[in-house]
N, C-alpha and C. Protein backbone atom coordinates (compact mmCIF):
# COMPACT_ATOMS: atom_id res chain seq x y z
N MET A 1 -19.30 -30.33 33.12
CA MET A 1 -20.07 -30.66 34.60
C MET A 1 -19.02 -30.03 35.96
N LYS A 2 -19.20 -29.55 36.38
CA LYS A 2 -18.29 -28.97 38.29
C LYS A 2 -17.55 -30.05 38.45
N GLY A 3 -16.89 -30.63 38.24
CA GLY A 3 -16.19 -31.42 40.12
C GLY A 3 -16.42 -32.89 38.76
N ARG A 4 -15.69 -33.15 37.51
CA ARG A 4 -16.23 -33.95 37.13
C ARG A 4 -14.39 -34.59 36.93
N MET A 5 -13.89 -36.35 36.13
CA MET A 5 -13.08 -36.35 36.24
C MET A 5 -12.31 -35.54 35.24
N LYS A 6 -11.17 -35.61 34.54
CA LYS A 6 -10.36 -35.20 33.63
C LYS A 6 -10.34 -36.89 32.52
N ILE A 7 -11.64 -37.71 32.33
CA ILE A 7 -11.60 -38.77 30.99
C ILE A 7 -11.95 -38.29 29.85
N PRO A 8 -11.39 -38.98 28.82
CA PRO A 8 -11.91 -38.99 27.14
C PRO A 8 -12.56 -39.86 27.83
N PRO A 9 -14.11 -39.32 26.68
CA PRO A 9 -15.66 -39.40 26.47
C PRO A 9 -15.05 -40.85 25.65
N THR A 10 -15.54 -42.08 25.75
CA THR A 10 -14.85 -43.42 25.50
C THR A 10 -15.69 -44.26 26.32
N LYS A 11 -16.35 -45.46 25.05
CA LYS A 11 -17.30 -46.62 26.09
C LYS A 11 -16.70 -47.05 27.62
N SER A 12 -15.33 -47.59 27.23
CA SER A 12 -14.50 -48.11 27.93
C SER A 12 -13.88 -47.64 29.28
N ALA A 13 -14.61 -46.41 28.88
CA ALA A 13 -13.87 -45.53 30.40
C ALA A 13 -14.78 -45.75 31.04
N LEU A 14 -16.52 -45.69 29.61
CA LEU A 14 -17.51 -45.56 30.75
C LEU A 14 -17.04 -46.77 32.16
N LEU A 15 -17.78 -47.81 30.63
CA LEU A 15 -17.51 -48.79 31.93
C LEU A 15 -16.62 -49.19 32.84
N GLY A 16 -15.72 -48.75 33.14
CA GLY A 16 -14.61 -48.71 33.89
C GLY A 16 -14.98 -47.58 36.03
N LEU A 17 -15.47 -46.90 34.92
CA LEU A 17 -15.79 -46.05 36.03
C LEU A 17 -16.77 -46.55 36.87
N ARG A 18 -18.06 -47.40 35.69
CA ARG A 18 -19.60 -47.34 36.01
C ARG A 18 -18.82 -48.55 36.73
N ARG A 19 -17.83 -49.52 36.95
CA ARG A 19 -16.90 -50.49 38.27
C ARG A 19 -16.31 -49.76 39.52
N GLN A 20 -15.65 -49.37 39.05
CA GLN A 20 -14.74 -48.30 40.35
C GLN A 20 -15.91 -47.30 40.72
N LEU A 21 -17.30 -47.57 40.08
CA LEU A 21 -17.99 -46.67 41.22
C LEU A 21 -19.43 -48.03 41.93
N ARG A 22 -19.38 -49.08 41.65
CA ARG A 22 -20.15 -49.72 42.31
C ARG A 22 -18.22 -50.22 43.19
N PHE A 23 -17.94 -49.98 43.47
CA PHE A 23 -16.48 -50.80 44.03
C PHE A 23 -16.83 -49.56 44.91
N LEU A 24 -16.86 -48.25 45.16
CA LEU A 24 -16.25 -47.66 45.62
C LEU A 24 -17.95 -47.46 47.02
N GLN A 25 -19.44 -47.71 46.13
CA GLN A 25 -20.54 -47.75 46.93
C GLN A 25 -19.89 -48.34 48.24
N GLN A 26 -19.77 -50.14 48.11
CA GLN A 26 -19.29 -50.97 48.60
C GLN A 26 -18.86 -50.99 49.43
N GLY A 27 -18.12 -50.02 49.03
CA GLY A 27 -16.96 -49.50 50.44
C GLY A 27 -16.98 -48.78 51.68
N HIS A 28 -18.02 -47.44 50.82
CA HIS A 28 -19.32 -46.19 51.33
C HIS A 28 -19.71 -47.44 52.27
N SER A 29 -20.71 -48.18 51.82
CA SER A 29 -21.50 -48.96 52.50
C SER A 29 -21.28 -49.93 53.81
N MET A 30 -19.63 -50.37 53.68
CA MET A 30 -19.00 -51.00 54.94
C MET A 30 -18.90 -50.37 55.96
N LEU A 31 -18.39 -48.46 55.22
CA LEU A 31 -17.71 -47.71 56.61
C LEU A 31 -18.80 -46.75 57.09
N GLU A 32 -20.58 -47.39 56.02
CA GLU A 32 -20.71 -46.07 57.01
C GLU A 32 -21.33 -47.78 58.59
N ARG A 33 -21.10 -49.02 58.05
CA ARG A 33 -21.37 -50.14 59.17
C ARG A 33 -20.13 -50.19 60.50
N LYS A 34 -19.12 -49.53 60.41
CA LYS A 34 -17.90 -50.13 60.47
C LYS A 34 -18.36 -48.57 61.64
N ARG A 35 -19.14 -47.08 61.06
CA ARG A 35 -19.32 -46.19 62.19
C ARG A 35 -20.27 -46.02 62.64
N GLU A 36 -21.36 -47.10 62.09
CA GLU A 36 -22.14 -46.91 63.61
C GLU A 36 -21.81 -48.27 64.22
N LEU A 37 -21.20 -49.15 64.07
CA LEU A 37 -20.39 -49.76 65.36
C LEU A 37 -19.79 -49.04 65.91
N LEU A 38 -18.87 -48.07 66.14
CA LEU A 38 -17.36 -47.73 66.29
C LEU A 38 -18.14 -46.46 67.38
N ASN A 39 -19.17 -46.21 66.90
CA ASN A 39 -20.10 -45.02 67.37
C ASN A 39 -21.25 -45.58 68.69
N ARG A 40 -20.83 -46.72 68.54
CA ARG A 40 -22.14 -47.60 69.99
C ARG A 40 -20.88 -48.13 70.68
N LEU A 41 -19.15 -48.65 70.39
CA LEU A 41 -18.50 -48.72 71.00
C LEU A 41 -17.98 -47.53 72.24
N VAL A 42 -18.01 -46.00 70.78
CA VAL A 42 -17.79 -45.02 71.24
C VAL A 42 -18.09 -44.94 72.99
N ARG A 43 -19.67 -44.84 72.75
CA ARG A 43 -20.71 -44.86 74.11
C ARG A 43 -20.89 -45.56 75.01
N GLU A 44 -20.57 -47.39 74.54
CA GLU A 44 -20.78 -48.42 75.49
C GLU A 44 -19.33 -47.57 76.54
N ARG A 45 -18.14 -47.56 76.02
CA ARG A 45 -17.22 -46.60 76.63
C ARG A 45 -16.97 -45.69 77.77
N LEU A 46 -16.96 -45.36 76.86
CA LEU A 46 -17.81 -43.94 77.54
C LEU A 46 -18.17 -43.58 78.44
N ASP A 47 -19.59 -44.35 78.74
CA ASP A 47 -20.23 -44.80 79.94
C ASP A 47 -19.58 -45.61 80.34
N ARG A 48 -18.76 -46.91 80.75
CA ARG A 48 -17.21 -46.99 81.43
C ARG A 48 -17.12 -46.28 82.11
N TYR A 49 -16.43 -45.41 81.14
CA TYR A 49 -14.93 -44.69 82.24
C TYR A 49 -15.52 -43.68 83.21
N ARG A 50 -16.90 -43.24 82.83
CA ARG A 50 -17.11 -42.74 83.06
C ARG A 50 -18.42 -43.29 84.61
N ARG A 51 -17.96 -44.56 85.02
CA ARG A 51 -18.37 -45.58 86.00
C ARG A 51 -17.37 -45.70 86.83
N LEU A 52 -16.33 -45.81 85.97
CA LEU A 52 -14.67 -45.88 87.26
C LEU A 52 -14.64 -45.15 87.58
N HIS A 53 -14.07 -44.08 86.76
CA HIS A 53 -14.71 -42.29 86.85
C HIS A 53 -15.00 -42.21 88.38
N SER A 54 -15.36 -42.18 89.19
CA SER A 54 -16.75 -41.84 89.98
C SER A 54 -16.60 -43.16 90.73
N GLU A 55 -16.10 -44.82 90.30
CA GLU A 55 -15.94 -45.21 91.33
C GLU A 55 -14.63 -44.95 92.10
N VAL A 56 -13.71 -44.83 91.67
CA VAL A 56 -11.85 -44.48 91.60
C VAL A 56 -12.40 -43.84 92.14
N ARG A 57 -12.70 -41.81 92.14
CA ARG A 57 -12.76 -40.83 93.12
C ARG A 57 -13.29 -40.90 94.83
N ALA A 58 -14.61 -42.69 94.58
CA ALA A 58 -15.39 -42.13 96.09
C ALA A 58 -14.47 -42.99 96.77
N VAL A 59 -13.36 -43.98 96.17
CA VAL A 59 -12.94 -45.35 96.91
C VAL A 59 -11.34 -44.38 97.34
N LEU A 60 -11.06 -43.63 96.40
CA LEU A 60 -9.70 -43.19 96.91
C LEU A 60 -10.38 -42.15 97.93
N GLU A 61 -11.29 -41.49 97.66
CA GLU A 61 -11.47 -40.24 98.72
C GLU A 61 -11.45 -41.26 100.61
N GLN A 62 -12.55 -42.10 100.18
CA GLN A 62 -12.28 -43.09 101.73
C GLN A 62 -10.80 -43.30 101.92
N ALA A 63 -10.67 -44.40 101.02
CA ALA A 63 -8.23 -44.49 101.68
C ALA A 63 -8.36 -43.23 102.02
N TYR A 64 -8.19 -41.85 101.69
CA TYR A 64 -7.61 -41.08 102.20
C TYR A 64 -8.00 -40.17 103.51
N ARG A 65 -9.68 -40.29 103.95
CA ARG A 65 -9.83 -40.81 104.99
C ARG A 65 -9.36 -41.18 106.36
N TRP A 66 -8.75 -42.66 105.21
CA TRP A 66 -8.19 -43.47 107.06
C TRP A 66 -7.20 -43.42 107.18
N LEU A 67 -6.59 -42.39 105.66
CA LEU A 67 -5.07 -42.07 106.10
C LEU A 67 -4.80 -40.98 106.50
N ALA A 68 -6.24 -39.63 106.85
CA ALA A 68 -5.24 -39.21 107.35
C ALA A 68 -6.09 -39.46 108.72
N ILE A 69 -6.39 -40.39 109.39
CA ILE A 69 -6.88 -41.06 110.84
C ILE A 69 -5.85 -42.06 110.39
N ALA A 70 -5.13 -42.06 110.73
CA ALA A 70 -4.31 -42.45 110.19
C ALA A 70 -2.02 -42.29 110.98
N GLN A 71 -2.99 -41.18 110.53
CA GLN A 71 -1.12 -40.23 110.94
C GLN A 71 -1.75 -39.72 111.62
N MET A 72 -3.61 -39.31 112.04
CA MET A 72 -3.64 -38.56 113.36
C MET A 72 -2.57 -39.27 114.38
N ARG A 73 -2.99 -41.26 114.41
CA ARG A 73 -3.09 -42.40 115.45
C ARG A 73 -1.43 -41.92 115.75
N MET A 74 -1.11 -42.03 114.39
CA MET A 74 0.19 -42.76 114.15
C MET A 74 1.85 -41.84 114.43
N GLY A 75 1.60 -40.56 113.47
CA GLY A 75 2.48 -39.54 112.84
C GLY A 75 2.63 -40.31 111.27
N SER A 76 3.52 -38.90 111.01
CA SER A 76 3.75 -39.31 109.42
C SER A 76 4.68 -39.95 109.23
N GLN A 77 6.15 -40.06 110.16
CA GLN A 77 6.94 -40.91 110.48
C GLN A 77 7.28 -42.41 110.51
N VAL A 78 6.43 -42.53 111.87
CA VAL A 78 5.23 -43.93 111.59
C VAL A 78 5.12 -44.39 110.32
N ILE A 79 4.48 -43.74 109.48
CA ILE A 79 3.35 -44.50 108.70
C ILE A 79 4.37 -44.25 107.30
N ARG A 80 5.78 -43.44 107.38
CA ARG A 80 6.68 -43.12 106.46
C ARG A 80 7.08 -44.45 106.40
N HIS A 81 7.98 -45.01 108.03
CA HIS A 81 8.62 -46.20 108.04
C HIS A 81 8.00 -47.52 107.63
N ALA A 82 6.33 -47.85 108.22
CA ALA A 82 5.53 -48.29 108.08
C ALA A 82 5.87 -49.55 106.57
N ALA A 83 5.35 -47.65 105.54
CA ALA A 83 5.36 -47.37 104.63
C ALA A 83 6.88 -48.85 103.92
N LEU A 84 8.27 -48.60 103.98
CA LEU A 84 9.14 -48.99 103.69
C LEU A 84 8.74 -50.62 103.83
N GLY A 85 8.25 -51.10 105.21
CA GLY A 85 8.22 -52.21 105.51
C GLY A 85 7.14 -53.32 105.03
N ALA A 86 6.00 -52.58 103.77
CA ALA A 86 4.99 -53.23 103.42
C ALA A 86 5.60 -53.65 101.59
N GLY A 87 4.65 -54.67 101.89
CA GLY A 87 4.79 -55.23 100.72
C GLY A 87 3.71 -54.80 99.65
N SER A 88 4.40 -55.74 98.08
CA SER A 88 3.57 -55.03 96.97
C SER A 88 2.39 -55.20 97.49
N ALA A 89 1.38 -54.75 97.00
CA ALA A 89 -0.41 -54.32 97.46
C ALA A 89 -0.98 -54.83 95.71
N LEU A 90 -0.01 -55.09 94.80
CA LEU A 90 -0.73 -55.37 93.42
C LEU A 90 -0.35 -55.89 92.40
N ARG A 91 -0.89 -57.37 91.88
CA ARG A 91 -0.60 -57.70 90.43
C ARG A 91 -1.13 -57.43 89.78
N VAL A 92 -0.41 -56.81 88.34
CA VAL A 92 -0.92 -56.88 87.41
C VAL A 92 -0.63 -57.23 86.03
N SER A 93 -1.01 -57.43 85.39
CA SER A 93 -1.20 -57.76 83.48
C SER A 93 -0.95 -57.24 82.50
N ILE A 94 -0.92 -57.29 81.99
CA ILE A 94 -1.40 -56.21 80.11
C ILE A 94 -1.14 -57.30 78.61
N LEU A 95 -1.64 -57.79 78.12
CA LEU A 95 -1.99 -58.28 77.52
C LEU A 95 -2.57 -57.74 76.09
N PRO A 96 -2.22 -57.18 74.82
CA PRO A 96 -3.37 -56.81 73.75
C PRO A 96 -3.97 -57.17 73.51
N ARG A 97 -4.98 -56.31 72.68
CA ARG A 97 -6.57 -57.30 72.82
C ARG A 97 -7.23 -55.85 71.50
N SER A 98 -8.00 -56.57 70.94
CA SER A 98 -8.65 -55.43 69.65
C SER A 98 -9.91 -55.54 69.99
N SER A 99 -10.75 -54.05 68.88
CA SER A 99 -12.08 -54.18 69.40
C SER A 99 -12.35 -53.55 68.21
N ALA A 100 -12.65 -53.77 67.00
CA ALA A 100 -14.12 -53.44 65.79
C ALA A 100 -11.93 -53.41 65.12
N GLY A 101 -10.96 -54.35 64.56
CA GLY A 101 -9.98 -53.85 63.99
C GLY A 101 -9.03 -53.33 65.08
N ILE A 102 -9.60 -52.48 66.45
CA ILE A 102 -8.44 -51.53 66.82
C ILE A 102 -8.07 -51.95 68.37
N GLU A 103 -6.61 -52.03 68.32
CA GLU A 103 -5.54 -52.75 69.34
C GLU A 103 -5.69 -51.68 69.98
N TYR A 104 -5.25 -52.51 71.16
CA TYR A 104 -5.62 -51.45 72.35
C TYR A 104 -4.87 -52.44 74.17
N PRO A 105 -3.81 -52.30 74.73
CA PRO A 105 -3.62 -52.87 75.83
C PRO A 105 -4.41 -52.86 77.58
N ALA A 106 -4.79 -54.73 77.43
CA ALA A 106 -6.12 -55.06 78.23
C ALA A 106 -5.47 -55.18 79.52
N ALA A 107 -5.41 -54.08 80.56
CA ALA A 107 -5.19 -54.71 81.48
C ALA A 107 -5.61 -55.24 82.92
N SER A 108 -5.43 -55.86 83.52
CA SER A 108 -6.25 -56.19 84.44
C SER A 108 -5.29 -56.23 85.83
N ALA A 109 -5.24 -56.26 86.97
CA ALA A 109 -4.59 -56.85 87.92
C ALA A 109 -5.83 -57.17 89.79
N GLU A 110 -4.51 -57.97 90.56
CA GLU A 110 -5.70 -57.34 91.30
C GLU A 110 -4.85 -57.67 92.70
N GLU A 111 -5.77 -57.70 93.58
CA GLU A 111 -4.93 -57.16 95.30
C GLU A 111 -4.32 -58.30 95.58
N ILE A 112 -3.25 -58.52 96.13
CA ILE A 112 -2.33 -58.82 97.24
C ILE A 112 -2.54 -59.00 97.86
N ALA A 113 -2.98 -60.11 99.39
CA ALA A 113 -3.52 -60.00 100.84
C ALA A 113 -2.87 -59.01 101.56
N LEU A 114 -3.12 -58.53 102.24
CA LEU A 114 -2.25 -57.25 102.92
C LEU A 114 -1.71 -58.32 103.93
N GLN A 115 0.13 -58.24 104.33
CA GLN A 115 1.73 -58.98 104.88
C GLN A 115 1.38 -57.66 105.98
N PRO A 116 1.67 -58.33 107.03
CA PRO A 116 1.99 -56.86 108.47
C PRO A 116 3.10 -57.37 108.10
N VAL A 117 3.45 -55.30 108.92
CA VAL A 117 4.67 -54.55 108.21
C VAL A 117 5.42 -55.23 109.73
N GLY A 118 4.99 -55.87 110.56
CA GLY A 118 6.57 -55.52 111.49
C GLY A 118 6.69 -54.66 112.56
N LEU A 119 5.71 -53.73 112.55
CA LEU A 119 6.27 -52.22 113.07
C LEU A 119 5.38 -52.23 115.00
N MET A 120 5.23 -52.29 116.14
CA MET A 120 4.98 -51.39 116.67
C MET A 120 4.13 -50.49 116.62
N GLY A 121 3.11 -50.15 117.42
CA GLY A 121 2.68 -49.02 117.26
C GLY A 121 1.79 -48.49 115.94
N THR A 122 1.32 -49.87 115.06
CA THR A 122 0.71 -49.10 113.39
C THR A 122 -0.39 -49.79 114.56
N ASP A 123 -1.75 -48.87 113.53
CA ASP A 123 -3.00 -48.66 113.92
C ASP A 123 -3.76 -49.83 112.92
N ALA A 124 -5.37 -49.64 113.73
CA ALA A 124 -5.61 -50.48 112.30
C ALA A 124 -6.11 -49.44 110.87
N SER A 125 -6.37 -47.92 111.70
CA SER A 125 -5.96 -47.26 110.70
C SER A 125 -5.08 -47.61 109.05
N PHE A 126 -4.33 -47.48 109.63
CA PHE A 126 -2.86 -47.71 108.71
C PHE A 126 -3.65 -49.47 108.19
N ASP A 127 -3.74 -50.17 108.46
CA ASP A 127 -4.22 -51.11 107.66
C ASP A 127 -5.50 -50.86 106.52
N GLN A 128 -6.84 -49.78 107.33
CA GLN A 128 -7.86 -49.90 106.82
C GLN A 128 -6.73 -48.34 105.28
N ALA A 129 -6.32 -48.19 105.69
CA ALA A 129 -5.63 -47.18 104.26
C ALA A 129 -4.92 -47.73 103.79
N ARG A 130 -4.32 -49.51 104.08
CA ARG A 130 -3.23 -49.52 102.54
C ARG A 130 -4.38 -50.29 101.41
N SER A 131 -5.83 -50.56 102.44
CA SER A 131 -6.43 -51.40 101.73
C SER A 131 -7.42 -50.83 101.18
N GLY A 132 -7.30 -49.43 101.07
CA GLY A 132 -8.39 -48.53 100.60
C GLY A 132 -7.39 -48.17 98.87
N LEU A 133 -6.18 -47.88 99.52
CA LEU A 133 -5.53 -47.60 98.07
C LEU A 133 -5.16 -48.76 97.07
N ALA A 134 -4.92 -49.85 97.94
CA ALA A 134 -4.36 -51.22 97.06
C ALA A 134 -5.82 -50.88 96.13
N LYS A 135 -7.25 -50.44 96.16
CA LYS A 135 -8.81 -51.22 95.70
C LYS A 135 -8.64 -50.03 94.65
N THR A 136 -8.04 -48.21 95.07
CA THR A 136 -8.02 -47.64 94.45
C THR A 136 -6.80 -47.98 93.25
N ALA A 137 -5.60 -48.47 93.32
CA ALA A 137 -5.34 -49.06 92.32
C ALA A 137 -5.68 -49.87 91.20
N VAL A 138 -6.47 -51.00 91.78
CA VAL A 138 -7.13 -51.34 91.02
C VAL A 138 -7.89 -50.95 89.97
N LEU A 139 -8.76 -50.39 91.00
CA LEU A 139 -9.33 -49.23 90.07
C LEU A 139 -8.38 -48.25 88.97
N LEU A 140 -7.76 -47.73 89.59
CA LEU A 140 -6.78 -47.31 88.71
C LEU A 140 -6.90 -48.27 86.92
N VAL A 141 -5.92 -48.65 87.16
CA VAL A 141 -5.47 -50.22 86.13
C VAL A 141 -6.52 -49.97 85.54
N ARG A 142 -7.96 -50.41 85.67
CA ARG A 142 -9.36 -50.65 84.83
C ARG A 142 -10.03 -49.38 83.77
N LEU A 143 -9.53 -48.33 85.07
CA LEU A 143 -9.39 -46.47 84.19
C LEU A 143 -8.56 -46.08 82.98
N GLY A 144 -7.38 -46.14 83.57
CA GLY A 144 -6.27 -46.79 82.07
C GLY A 144 -6.63 -47.12 81.52
N GLU A 145 -6.79 -48.69 81.29
CA GLU A 145 -7.37 -49.18 80.42
C GLU A 145 -8.66 -48.48 79.51
N ALA A 146 -9.91 -48.40 79.55
CA ALA A 146 -10.63 -47.67 80.00
C ALA A 146 -10.67 -46.67 79.09
N GLU A 147 -9.81 -45.66 79.58
CA GLU A 147 -9.33 -44.42 78.75
C GLU A 147 -8.40 -44.98 77.42
N THR A 148 -7.60 -45.68 77.56
CA THR A 148 -6.41 -45.68 76.48
C THR A 148 -7.48 -46.18 75.51
N ALA A 149 -8.35 -47.20 75.21
CA ALA A 149 -9.86 -47.79 74.28
C ALA A 149 -10.04 -47.13 73.98
N LEU A 150 -10.54 -45.84 74.90
CA LEU A 150 -12.39 -44.93 74.39
C LEU A 150 -11.18 -43.86 73.52
N TRP A 151 -9.55 -43.78 73.97
CA TRP A 151 -9.02 -42.12 72.50
C TRP A 151 -8.40 -43.43 71.83
N ARG A 152 -8.48 -44.28 72.32
CA ARG A 152 -7.98 -44.94 70.08
C ARG A 152 -9.39 -45.10 69.77
N LEU A 153 -10.48 -45.63 70.11
CA LEU A 153 -11.77 -46.13 69.75
C LEU A 153 -12.05 -44.35 68.49
N MET A 154 -11.96 -43.92 69.68
CA MET A 154 -12.72 -42.00 69.09
C MET A 154 -11.28 -41.59 68.64
N ALA A 155 -10.26 -42.10 68.30
CA ALA A 155 -9.71 -41.42 66.74
C ALA A 155 -10.14 -42.34 65.34
N GLU A 156 -9.93 -43.14 65.66
CA GLU A 156 -10.32 -44.98 64.47
C GLU A 156 -11.57 -43.68 63.99
N GLN A 157 -12.68 -43.72 65.24
CA GLN A 157 -14.03 -42.59 65.22
C GLN A 157 -14.60 -42.04 63.54
N ARG A 158 -13.63 -40.68 64.61
CA ARG A 158 -13.15 -39.91 62.95
C ARG A 158 -12.59 -40.22 62.24
N ARG A 159 -11.33 -40.69 61.89
CA ARG A 159 -10.62 -41.10 60.59
C ARG A 159 -12.05 -42.10 59.98
N THR A 160 -13.21 -42.73 59.82
CA THR A 160 -13.77 -43.54 60.09
C THR A 160 -14.70 -42.36 58.85
N GLN A 161 -14.98 -40.88 59.99
CA GLN A 161 -16.05 -40.10 59.37
C GLN A 161 -15.45 -39.82 58.35
N ARG A 162 -13.91 -38.84 58.82
CA ARG A 162 -13.46 -38.59 57.24
C ARG A 162 -14.07 -39.23 55.85
N ARG A 163 -13.70 -40.08 56.47
CA ARG A 163 -13.67 -41.40 54.89
C ARG A 163 -15.50 -41.91 53.58
N VAL A 164 -16.19 -42.18 55.22
CA VAL A 164 -16.99 -41.84 54.58
C VAL A 164 -17.96 -40.03 54.13
N ASN A 165 -17.12 -39.14 54.71
CA ASN A 165 -17.87 -37.98 54.22
C ASN A 165 -16.59 -37.86 52.86
N ALA A 166 -15.86 -37.98 52.56
CA ALA A 166 -15.15 -38.16 51.71
C ALA A 166 -15.20 -38.54 50.55
N LEU A 167 -16.22 -39.89 50.46
CA LEU A 167 -16.54 -40.82 49.66
C LEU A 167 -17.47 -40.28 50.48
N ARG A 168 -18.99 -40.07 50.55
CA ARG A 168 -20.30 -39.44 49.97
C ARG A 168 -19.94 -38.11 49.25
N TYR A 169 -18.90 -37.12 49.95
CA TYR A 169 -19.24 -35.81 49.40
C TYR A 169 -18.69 -35.14 48.05
N ASN A 170 -17.33 -36.09 47.52
CA ASN A 170 -16.35 -35.64 46.84
C ASN A 170 -15.99 -36.95 46.12
N ILE A 171 -15.07 -38.15 46.72
CA ILE A 171 -15.87 -38.76 45.67
C ILE A 171 -16.22 -39.27 44.84
N ILE A 172 -17.52 -40.15 45.12
CA ILE A 172 -18.28 -40.46 44.06
C ILE A 172 -19.72 -39.68 43.41
N PRO A 173 -19.77 -38.97 44.30
CA PRO A 173 -20.23 -37.39 43.77
C PRO A 173 -19.54 -37.09 41.55
N ARG A 174 -18.06 -36.49 41.99
CA ARG A 174 -17.51 -36.46 40.88
C ARG A 174 -17.52 -37.93 40.00
N TYR A 175 -17.59 -39.33 40.24
CA TYR A 175 -17.63 -40.20 39.86
C TYR A 175 -19.21 -40.29 38.60
N ARG A 176 -20.13 -40.11 39.55
CA ARG A 176 -21.53 -40.21 38.98
C ARG A 176 -21.24 -38.48 38.09
N SER A 177 -20.73 -37.58 38.39
CA SER A 177 -20.92 -36.73 37.38
C SER A 177 -20.07 -36.62 36.23
N THR A 178 -18.76 -37.69 36.09
CA THR A 178 -18.02 -37.92 34.95
C THR A 178 -19.19 -38.54 34.37
N ILE A 179 -19.21 -40.28 34.39
CA ILE A 179 -20.57 -40.74 34.18
C ILE A 179 -21.72 -39.95 33.69
N ARG A 180 -22.26 -39.57 34.49
CA ARG A 180 -23.50 -38.08 33.25
C ARG A 180 -21.89 -37.62 32.39
N PHE A 181 -21.63 -36.79 32.69
CA PHE A 181 -20.22 -36.03 31.21
C PHE A 181 -20.25 -37.26 30.12
N ILE A 182 -19.58 -38.82 30.48
CA ILE A 182 -19.02 -39.20 29.06
C ILE A 182 -20.94 -40.26 28.29
N GLU A 183 -21.94 -40.00 29.19
CA GLU A 183 -22.50 -41.01 28.82
C GLU A 183 -23.38 -39.84 28.09
N SER A 184 -24.04 -38.97 28.79
CA SER A 184 -24.30 -37.68 27.58
C SER A 184 -22.95 -37.05 26.22
N MET A 185 -21.88 -37.25 26.63
CA MET A 185 -21.11 -37.33 25.18
C MET A 185 -21.30 -38.87 24.06
N LEU A 186 -21.45 -39.67 25.06
CA LEU A 186 -22.01 -40.71 23.63
C LEU A 186 -23.55 -41.01 22.97
N GLU A 187 -23.82 -40.43 24.07
CA GLU A 187 -25.69 -40.33 23.44
C GLU A 187 -25.16 -38.95 22.39
N GLU A 188 -24.72 -37.94 22.08
CA GLU A 188 -24.93 -36.67 21.11
C GLU A 188 -23.87 -38.08 20.02
N ASP A 189 -22.72 -38.54 19.78
CA ASP A 189 -22.45 -39.06 18.95
C ASP A 189 -23.28 -39.74 18.09
N GLU A 190 -23.53 -40.23 19.10
CA GLU A 190 -24.62 -41.78 18.66
C GLU A 190 -25.72 -40.64 18.08
N ARG A 191 -26.48 -39.96 18.19
CA ARG A 191 -27.63 -39.24 17.22
C ARG A 191 -26.63 -38.57 16.23
N THR A 192 -25.24 -37.70 16.70
CA THR A 192 -24.56 -37.21 15.05
C THR A 192 -24.46 -38.11 14.01
N THR A 193 -24.27 -39.67 14.79
CA THR A 193 -23.56 -40.30 13.98
C THR A 193 -24.76 -41.29 12.88
N LEU A 194 -25.98 -41.53 13.81
CA LEU A 194 -27.23 -41.11 13.21
C LEU A 194 -28.43 -40.42 11.73
N PHE A 195 -27.51 -39.24 12.11
CA PHE A 195 -27.92 -37.75 12.15
C PHE A 195 -27.70 -38.21 10.52
N GLN A 196 -26.06 -38.54 10.94
CA GLN A 196 -25.13 -38.96 9.08
C GLN A 196 -25.24 -39.82 8.50
N ILE A 197 -25.51 -41.17 8.94
CA ILE A 197 -25.91 -41.13 8.24
C ILE A 197 -27.73 -41.85 7.28
N LYS A 198 -28.85 -41.14 8.16
CA LYS A 198 -29.16 -40.93 7.39
C LYS A 198 -29.77 -40.06 6.36
N ARG A 199 -28.44 -39.12 6.40
CA ARG A 199 -28.37 -38.24 5.06
C ARG A 199 -27.83 -38.49 3.93
N LEU A 200 -26.81 -39.62 3.78
CA LEU A 200 -26.16 -41.02 3.72
C LEU A 200 -26.59 -41.62 2.60
N ARG A 201 -28.05 -42.16 3.74
CA ARG A 201 -29.54 -42.34 2.73
C ARG A 201 -30.27 -42.02 1.63
N GLU A 202 -30.40 -40.74 2.26
CA GLU A 202 -31.22 -39.85 1.48
C GLU A 202 -30.81 -39.37 0.32
N SER A 203 -29.01 -39.49 0.49
CA SER A 203 -28.69 -38.96 -0.91
C SER A 203 -28.10 -40.33 -1.59
N ALA A 204 -28.09 -40.96 -1.27
CA ALA A 204 -27.93 -42.30 -2.14
C ALA A 204 -29.02 -42.87 -2.68
N ARG A 205 -31.03 -42.16 -2.16
CA ARG A 205 -32.27 -42.31 -3.31
C ARG A 205 -32.05 -41.93 -4.24
N ARG A 206 -31.95 -40.46 -3.49
CA ARG A 206 -32.16 -39.24 -5.10
C ARG A 206 -30.62 -39.71 -6.40
N THR A 207 -29.63 -40.11 -6.08
CA THR A 207 -28.51 -40.69 -7.48
C THR A 207 -29.46 -41.60 -7.84
């Protein structure tokens, strides 16, 4: 038969193949459940990524609008000097996290209250730009986490799909084909043996 394994057609081999086939079928069922879970998680992560991407774009556009206003009112040189005196506006923490057995870095960020830069001639638009850029940075941290998790989940989704396909279309059919072949050979041997016994009995009656 096409696709069968090269295994001697014995009763012990048949019993071993049946046990292995049951194990493979259980593994296939578990992988199917994992694949469905990963599909759901990928859809959820993709929706979250798209929402964050749109939110980042909107907040960034607003921050650049205020920055453009600040440049018109203060001038680029004053803004550069003011930026040098500005403290950190963000606090970031990164911890390991896992979902469906896939690890990825979980990043969180929070804004730090804006501190005065201590320069004369600054404008309120400069603080608006600083605040908007800080909000953008917080969202970018979340976006980076969402993107990293999404890519890792998608990679595992592809690996799981390949394993499911290999079991469904290659490995399990080969086991089934081999089992059918051995069963047919054993049945043929049994019929041959029964026929020989019948012939021996008939010969014994004649004598």
